[in-house]
Amino acid sequence: MIVADTSVWIDYFNGNENLLTDKLDIGLAEGLIVMGDLIFLEILQGFRDDKEYRLAKSTLGTLDQYAMLGHKQAIKSAENFRALRKRGITIRKTTDVIIATFCIDNKLPLLFSDRDFIPFVDHLGLIPAYSQNSE
């Protein structure tokens, strides 16, 4: 199973073809992509057109869904944020901390293009679903 971050989905829905959207497309075809509730929220917020919103909501709703934040995850996310901050790294978005922490704790690879996830890979064990070094 693979979690795809919002940044990859945005490119995917906008028709931007790149290595990450290709990986997402393959993962969807193979039934490997799962959806986190925070990512689902971020994606749906981005649609201005009602028809596109309904289509995305329906289509993405067919993926296995995961709740990414609860009490224990909130604590673990805060601990991860603090661990990185102690290293002089400040993550810009709380949602990225939650998504990364969820993936780390569940040992789920994350497909991402957002640079805020790199410290989680480098220091906290986040598994990247794609690495330019591995392709």
N, C-alpha and C. Protein backbone atom coordinates (compact mmCIF):
# COMPACT_ATOMS: atom_id res chain seq x y z
N MET A 1 0.82 -1.18 0.00
CA MET A 1 0.00 0.00 0.00
C MET A 1 0.87 1.26 0.00
N ILE A 2 0.38 2.28 -0.68
CA ILE A 2 1.12 3.55 -0.82
C ILE A 2 0.16 4.71 -0.56
N VAL A 3 0.60 5.68 0.20
CA VAL A 3 -0.13 6.93 0.39
C VAL A 3 0.46 7.95 -0.58
N ALA A 4 -0.39 8.64 -1.31
CA ALA A 4 0.06 9.70 -2.21
C ALA A 4 -0.32 11.04 -1.59
N ASP A 5 0.66 11.92 -1.46
CA ASP A 5 0.42 13.24 -0.88
C ASP A 5 -0.37 14.12 -1.84
N THR A 6 -0.99 15.12 -1.29
CA THR A 6 -1.82 16.07 -2.05
C THR A 6 -1.07 16.68 -3.23
N SER A 7 0.20 17.01 -3.04
CA SER A 7 0.97 17.64 -4.11
C SER A 7 1.02 16.78 -5.36
N VAL A 8 1.10 15.48 -5.20
CA VAL A 8 1.12 14.57 -6.34
C VAL A 8 -0.26 14.48 -6.97
N TRP A 9 -1.28 14.42 -6.13
CA TRP A 9 -2.66 14.38 -6.64
C TRP A 9 -2.99 15.63 -7.44
N ILE A 10 -2.54 16.78 -6.98
CA ILE A 10 -2.81 18.04 -7.69
C ILE A 10 -2.23 17.98 -9.10
N ASP A 11 -0.98 17.55 -9.21
CA ASP A 11 -0.39 17.39 -10.54
C ASP A 11 -1.18 16.39 -11.37
N TYR A 12 -1.57 15.31 -10.73
CA TYR A 12 -2.32 14.24 -11.42
C TYR A 12 -3.63 14.78 -11.99
N PHE A 13 -4.40 15.48 -11.16
CA PHE A 13 -5.69 16.02 -11.61
C PHE A 13 -5.53 17.14 -12.62
N ASN A 14 -4.40 17.84 -12.58
CA ASN A 14 -4.15 18.91 -13.55
C ASN A 14 -3.53 18.39 -14.84
N GLY A 15 -3.34 17.08 -14.93
CA GLY A 15 -2.80 16.49 -16.15
C GLY A 15 -1.31 16.70 -16.34
N ASN A 16 -0.60 17.04 -15.27
CA ASN A 16 0.85 17.23 -15.35
C ASN A 16 1.53 15.86 -15.26
N GLU A 17 2.09 15.43 -16.34
CA GLU A 17 2.76 14.13 -16.36
C GLU A 17 4.20 14.28 -15.91
N ASN A 18 4.57 13.47 -14.93
CA ASN A 18 5.94 13.41 -14.45
C ASN A 18 6.14 12.04 -13.81
N LEU A 19 7.32 11.79 -13.28
CA LEU A 19 7.61 10.48 -12.70
C LEU A 19 6.69 10.14 -11.53
N LEU A 20 6.32 11.16 -10.74
CA LEU A 20 5.46 10.91 -9.58
C LEU A 20 4.02 10.61 -10.00
N THR A 21 3.49 11.36 -10.97
CA THR A 21 2.13 11.07 -11.43
C THR A 21 2.08 9.74 -12.17
N ASP A 22 3.16 9.39 -12.85
CA ASP A 22 3.23 8.06 -13.48
C ASP A 22 3.19 6.97 -12.42
N LYS A 23 3.93 7.16 -11.34
CA LYS A 23 3.94 6.20 -10.23
C LYS A 23 2.55 6.11 -9.60
N LEU A 24 1.88 7.24 -9.44
CA LEU A 24 0.51 7.26 -8.91
C LEU A 24 -0.42 6.50 -9.84
N ASP A 25 -0.31 6.75 -11.12
CA ASP A 25 -1.16 6.08 -12.11
C ASP A 25 -0.98 4.56 -12.05
N ILE A 26 0.26 4.13 -11.97
CA ILE A 26 0.56 2.69 -11.88
C ILE A 26 -0.01 2.13 -10.58
N GLY A 27 0.20 2.84 -9.47
CA GLY A 27 -0.31 2.41 -8.18
C GLY A 27 -1.83 2.29 -8.16
N LEU A 28 -2.50 3.22 -8.82
CA LEU A 28 -3.96 3.15 -8.91
C LEU A 28 -4.39 1.93 -9.70
N ALA A 29 -3.73 1.69 -10.82
CA ALA A 29 -4.07 0.55 -11.67
C ALA A 29 -3.85 -0.77 -10.94
N GLU A 30 -2.84 -0.81 -10.08
CA GLU A 30 -2.50 -2.03 -9.35
C GLU A 30 -3.23 -2.14 -8.01
N GLY A 31 -4.05 -1.14 -7.66
CA GLY A 31 -4.79 -1.17 -6.41
C GLY A 31 -3.93 -0.96 -5.18
N LEU A 32 -2.83 -0.24 -5.32
CA LEU A 32 -1.91 -0.03 -4.22
C LEU A 32 -2.10 1.28 -3.47
N ILE A 33 -2.86 2.21 -4.02
CA ILE A 33 -2.99 3.55 -3.44
C ILE A 33 -4.10 3.57 -2.40
N VAL A 34 -3.78 4.12 -1.24
CA VAL A 34 -4.77 4.32 -0.18
C VAL A 34 -4.89 5.81 0.10
N MET A 35 -5.99 6.21 0.71
CA MET A 35 -6.29 7.63 0.92
C MET A 35 -6.39 7.94 2.41
N GLY A 36 -5.66 8.98 2.82
CA GLY A 36 -5.80 9.50 4.18
C GLY A 36 -6.83 10.61 4.21
N ASP A 37 -7.55 10.71 5.31
CA ASP A 37 -8.63 11.70 5.39
C ASP A 37 -8.15 13.14 5.21
N LEU A 38 -6.97 13.46 5.73
CA LEU A 38 -6.46 14.83 5.58
C LEU A 38 -6.11 15.13 4.12
N ILE A 39 -5.58 14.15 3.43
CA ILE A 39 -5.26 14.32 2.02
C ILE A 39 -6.55 14.45 1.21
N PHE A 40 -7.53 13.63 1.55
CA PHE A 40 -8.84 13.69 0.90
C PHE A 40 -9.44 15.09 1.05
N LEU A 41 -9.36 15.64 2.26
CA LEU A 41 -9.84 16.99 2.54
C LEU A 41 -9.10 18.02 1.69
N GLU A 42 -7.77 17.96 1.69
CA GLU A 42 -6.98 18.93 0.94
C GLU A 42 -7.30 18.88 -0.56
N ILE A 43 -7.45 17.68 -1.09
CA ILE A 43 -7.77 17.53 -2.51
C ILE A 43 -9.13 18.14 -2.82
N LEU A 44 -10.15 17.76 -2.04
CA LEU A 44 -11.50 18.24 -2.32
C LEU A 44 -11.62 19.75 -2.16
N GLN A 45 -10.88 20.33 -1.24
CA GLN A 45 -10.91 21.79 -1.06
C GLN A 45 -10.46 22.52 -2.32
N GLY A 46 -9.63 21.87 -3.12
CA GLY A 46 -9.05 22.52 -4.28
C GLY A 46 -9.95 22.64 -5.49
N PHE A 47 -11.04 21.91 -5.51
CA PHE A 47 -11.92 21.94 -6.69
C PHE A 47 -12.87 23.13 -6.63
N ARG A 48 -12.87 23.91 -7.68
CA ARG A 48 -13.80 25.05 -7.78
C ARG A 48 -15.08 24.65 -8.50
N ASP A 49 -14.94 23.78 -9.48
CA ASP A 49 -16.07 23.34 -10.29
C ASP A 49 -16.83 22.24 -9.55
N ASP A 50 -18.15 22.40 -9.40
CA ASP A 50 -18.96 21.43 -8.66
C ASP A 50 -18.94 20.04 -9.29
N LYS A 51 -18.99 19.98 -10.60
CA LYS A 51 -18.99 18.68 -11.29
C LYS A 51 -17.67 17.94 -11.04
N GLU A 52 -16.54 18.65 -11.17
CA GLU A 52 -15.24 18.04 -10.90
C GLU A 52 -15.11 17.62 -9.44
N TYR A 53 -15.65 18.43 -8.54
CA TYR A 53 -15.64 18.11 -7.11
C TYR A 53 -16.38 16.80 -6.86
N ARG A 54 -17.59 16.69 -7.40
CA ARG A 54 -18.39 15.48 -7.20
C ARG A 54 -17.70 14.24 -7.79
N LEU A 55 -17.10 14.39 -8.96
CA LEU A 55 -16.41 13.28 -9.61
C LEU A 55 -15.20 12.84 -8.77
N ALA A 56 -14.42 13.80 -8.32
CA ALA A 56 -13.25 13.47 -7.49
C ALA A 56 -13.68 12.82 -6.18
N LYS A 57 -14.71 13.36 -5.55
CA LYS A 57 -15.21 12.82 -4.29
C LYS A 57 -15.66 11.38 -4.46
N SER A 58 -16.36 11.12 -5.52
CA SER A 58 -16.85 9.78 -5.81
C SER A 58 -15.70 8.82 -6.13
N THR A 59 -14.80 9.26 -6.98
CA THR A 59 -13.69 8.41 -7.42
C THR A 59 -12.72 8.12 -6.27
N LEU A 60 -12.30 9.16 -5.58
CA LEU A 60 -11.36 8.98 -4.48
C LEU A 60 -11.99 8.22 -3.32
N GLY A 61 -13.30 8.33 -3.19
CA GLY A 61 -14.01 7.61 -2.13
C GLY A 61 -13.97 6.10 -2.28
N THR A 62 -13.58 5.63 -3.46
CA THR A 62 -13.48 4.18 -3.67
C THR A 62 -12.17 3.60 -3.14
N LEU A 63 -11.20 4.46 -2.86
CA LEU A 63 -9.92 3.98 -2.32
C LEU A 63 -10.08 3.62 -0.85
N ASP A 64 -9.23 2.71 -0.36
CA ASP A 64 -9.22 2.42 1.07
C ASP A 64 -8.92 3.72 1.81
N GLN A 65 -9.74 4.02 2.82
CA GLN A 65 -9.64 5.28 3.55
C GLN A 65 -9.06 5.07 4.95
N TYR A 66 -8.21 6.01 5.38
CA TYR A 66 -7.60 5.95 6.70
C TYR A 66 -7.78 7.27 7.43
N ALA A 67 -8.16 7.19 8.70
CA ALA A 67 -8.18 8.36 9.57
C ALA A 67 -6.74 8.58 10.04
N MET A 68 -6.20 9.76 9.77
CA MET A 68 -4.78 10.01 10.03
C MET A 68 -4.49 10.66 11.37
N LEU A 69 -5.50 11.16 12.06
CA LEU A 69 -5.24 11.85 13.31
C LEU A 69 -6.25 11.46 14.38
N GLY A 70 -5.73 11.05 15.48
CA GLY A 70 -6.47 10.79 16.70
C GLY A 70 -5.59 11.26 17.84
N HIS A 71 -5.99 10.99 19.06
CA HIS A 71 -5.24 11.47 20.22
C HIS A 71 -3.79 10.99 20.21
N LYS A 72 -3.58 9.69 20.03
CA LYS A 72 -2.21 9.14 20.03
C LYS A 72 -1.39 9.69 18.87
N GLN A 73 -2.02 9.83 17.70
CA GLN A 73 -1.31 10.37 16.54
C GLN A 73 -0.97 11.84 16.74
N ALA A 74 -1.85 12.57 17.42
CA ALA A 74 -1.57 13.99 17.69
C ALA A 74 -0.31 14.12 18.55
N ILE A 75 -0.20 13.28 19.57
CA ILE A 75 0.98 13.31 20.44
C ILE A 75 2.22 12.92 19.65
N LYS A 76 2.13 11.84 18.89
CA LYS A 76 3.29 11.38 18.11
C LYS A 76 3.70 12.43 17.07
N SER A 77 2.72 13.09 16.46
CA SER A 77 3.01 14.15 15.48
C SER A 77 3.74 15.31 16.15
N ALA A 78 3.28 15.69 17.33
CA ALA A 78 3.95 16.77 18.07
C ALA A 78 5.38 16.37 18.42
N GLU A 79 5.57 15.11 18.82
CA GLU A 79 6.91 14.63 19.15
C GLU A 79 7.82 14.65 17.92
N ASN A 80 7.29 14.26 16.78
CA ASN A 80 8.09 14.28 15.56
C ASN A 80 8.45 15.71 15.16
N PHE A 81 7.48 16.62 15.26
CA PHE A 81 7.75 18.02 14.95
C PHE A 81 8.86 18.55 15.85
N ARG A 82 8.75 18.26 17.14
CA ARG A 82 9.74 18.74 18.11
C ARG A 82 11.11 18.12 17.86
N ALA A 83 11.14 16.83 17.49
CA ALA A 83 12.42 16.16 17.21
C ALA A 83 13.12 16.84 16.04
N LEU A 84 12.36 17.20 15.01
CA LEU A 84 12.97 17.88 13.87
C LEU A 84 13.38 19.30 14.23
N ARG A 85 12.55 19.98 15.01
CA ARG A 85 12.88 21.35 15.42
C ARG A 85 14.16 21.38 16.25
N LYS A 86 14.37 20.36 17.07
CA LYS A 86 15.61 20.28 17.85
C LYS A 86 16.83 20.13 16.95
N ARG A 87 16.61 19.65 15.74
CA ARG A 87 17.69 19.52 14.75
C ARG A 87 17.80 20.79 13.89
N GLY A 88 16.99 21.79 14.23
CA GLY A 88 17.02 23.05 13.48
C GLY A 88 16.14 23.04 12.25
N ILE A 89 15.22 22.07 12.17
CA ILE A 89 14.32 21.94 11.02
C ILE A 89 12.90 22.25 11.47
N THR A 90 12.28 23.24 10.83
CA THR A 90 10.89 23.56 11.13
C THR A 90 10.04 23.22 9.92
N ILE A 91 9.07 22.36 10.13
CA ILE A 91 8.14 21.97 9.07
C ILE A 91 7.07 23.05 8.96
N ARG A 92 6.78 23.47 7.74
CA ARG A 92 5.88 24.60 7.52
C ARG A 92 4.41 24.29 7.76
N LYS A 93 3.98 23.07 7.46
CA LYS A 93 2.55 22.77 7.54
C LYS A 93 2.28 21.62 8.51
N THR A 94 1.37 21.84 9.42
CA THR A 94 1.00 20.82 10.39
C THR A 94 0.46 19.57 9.69
N THR A 95 -0.29 19.76 8.61
CA THR A 95 -0.83 18.58 7.92
C THR A 95 0.29 17.68 7.41
N ASP A 96 1.41 18.25 6.98
CA ASP A 96 2.54 17.43 6.53
C ASP A 96 3.12 16.62 7.68
N VAL A 97 3.17 17.20 8.86
CA VAL A 97 3.66 16.48 10.03
C VAL A 97 2.74 15.30 10.34
N ILE A 98 1.44 15.54 10.26
CA ILE A 98 0.46 14.48 10.55
C ILE A 98 0.57 13.36 9.51
N ILE A 99 0.62 13.73 8.25
CA ILE A 99 0.69 12.74 7.17
C ILE A 99 1.97 11.91 7.30
N ALA A 100 3.10 12.57 7.49
CA ALA A 100 4.37 11.85 7.62
C ALA A 100 4.36 10.93 8.83
N THR A 101 3.86 11.41 9.95
CA THR A 101 3.82 10.61 11.17
C THR A 101 2.93 9.39 10.98
N PHE A 102 1.78 9.58 10.35
CA PHE A 102 0.88 8.46 10.08
C PHE A 102 1.59 7.40 9.24
N CYS A 103 2.26 7.84 8.19
CA CYS A 103 2.96 6.90 7.30
C CYS A 103 4.10 6.20 8.02
N ILE A 104 4.85 6.93 8.84
CA ILE A 104 5.94 6.32 9.60
C ILE A 104 5.40 5.25 10.54
N ASP A 105 4.38 5.60 11.30
CA ASP A 105 3.83 4.68 12.30
C ASP A 105 3.19 3.44 11.67
N ASN A 106 2.66 3.59 10.47
CA ASN A 106 1.99 2.47 9.80
C ASN A 106 2.87 1.81 8.74
N LYS A 107 4.13 2.28 8.67
CA LYS A 107 5.11 1.73 7.71
C LYS A 107 4.56 1.73 6.28
N LEU A 108 3.89 2.84 5.94
CA LEU A 108 3.34 3.01 4.60
C LEU A 108 4.24 3.97 3.81
N PRO A 109 4.69 3.59 2.64
CA PRO A 109 5.46 4.51 1.81
C PRO A 109 4.62 5.72 1.41
N LEU A 110 5.26 6.87 1.30
CA LEU A 110 4.59 8.10 0.91
C LEU A 110 5.15 8.57 -0.43
N LEU A 111 4.25 8.82 -1.37
CA LEU A 111 4.60 9.38 -2.67
C LEU A 111 4.42 10.89 -2.55
N PHE A 112 5.51 11.64 -2.67
CA PHE A 112 5.43 13.08 -2.42
C PHE A 112 6.40 13.86 -3.30
N SER A 113 6.07 15.14 -3.49
CA SER A 113 7.00 16.06 -4.14
C SER A 113 7.33 17.23 -3.22
N ASP A 114 6.59 17.38 -2.13
CA ASP A 114 6.77 18.47 -1.18
C ASP A 114 8.06 18.26 -0.37
N ARG A 115 8.96 19.23 -0.42
CA ARG A 115 10.26 19.11 0.25
C ARG A 115 10.16 19.01 1.77
N ASP A 116 9.02 19.38 2.36
CA ASP A 116 8.88 19.27 3.82
C ASP A 116 8.91 17.82 4.31
N PHE A 117 8.73 16.87 3.41
CA PHE A 117 8.77 15.47 3.83
C PHE A 117 10.20 14.91 3.90
N ILE A 118 11.14 15.57 3.27
CA ILE A 118 12.52 15.06 3.22
C ILE A 118 13.14 14.88 4.61
N PRO A 119 12.96 15.83 5.55
CA PRO A 119 13.51 15.59 6.89
C PRO A 119 12.92 14.36 7.58
N PHE A 120 11.69 14.03 7.28
CA PHE A 120 11.09 12.84 7.87
C PHE A 120 11.76 11.58 7.32
N VAL A 121 12.14 11.63 6.05
CA VAL A 121 12.89 10.53 5.44
C VAL A 121 14.28 10.45 6.05
N ASP A 122 14.95 11.59 6.09
CA ASP A 122 16.34 11.64 6.55
C ASP A 122 16.52 11.32 8.03
N HIS A 123 15.55 11.68 8.87
CA HIS A 123 15.76 11.60 10.31
C HIS A 123 14.77 10.73 11.08
N LEU A 124 13.59 10.45 10.50
CA LEU A 124 12.56 9.77 11.29
C LEU A 124 12.03 8.48 10.67
N GLY A 125 12.60 8.06 9.56
CA GLY A 125 12.24 6.76 9.01
C GLY A 125 11.07 6.73 8.04
N LEU A 126 10.65 7.89 7.53
CA LEU A 126 9.60 7.88 6.51
C LEU A 126 10.12 7.17 5.27
N ILE A 127 9.30 6.29 4.72
CA ILE A 127 9.68 5.53 3.53
C ILE A 127 9.16 6.28 2.30
N PRO A 128 10.05 6.75 1.44
CA PRO A 128 9.57 7.40 0.21
C PRO A 128 9.12 6.33 -0.79
N ALA A 129 7.97 6.56 -1.42
CA ALA A 129 7.48 5.60 -2.42
C ALA A 129 8.24 5.73 -3.72
N TYR A 130 8.95 6.83 -3.87
CA TYR A 130 9.77 7.03 -5.06
C TYR A 130 11.00 7.82 -4.67
N SER A 131 12.11 7.37 -5.14
CA SER A 131 13.35 8.11 -4.94
C SER A 131 14.09 8.18 -6.26
N GLN A 132 14.53 9.35 -6.64
CA GLN A 132 15.27 9.49 -7.90
C GLN A 132 16.53 8.65 -7.89
N ASN A 133 17.05 8.39 -6.71
CA ASN A 133 18.27 7.57 -6.60
C ASN A 133 18.00 6.10 -6.88
N SER A 134 16.73 5.67 -6.70
CA SER A 134 16.41 4.25 -6.85
C SER A 134 15.90 3.91 -8.24
N GLU A 135 15.61 4.92 -9.05
CA GLU A 135 15.05 4.65 -10.38
C GLU A 135 16.15 4.65 -11.41
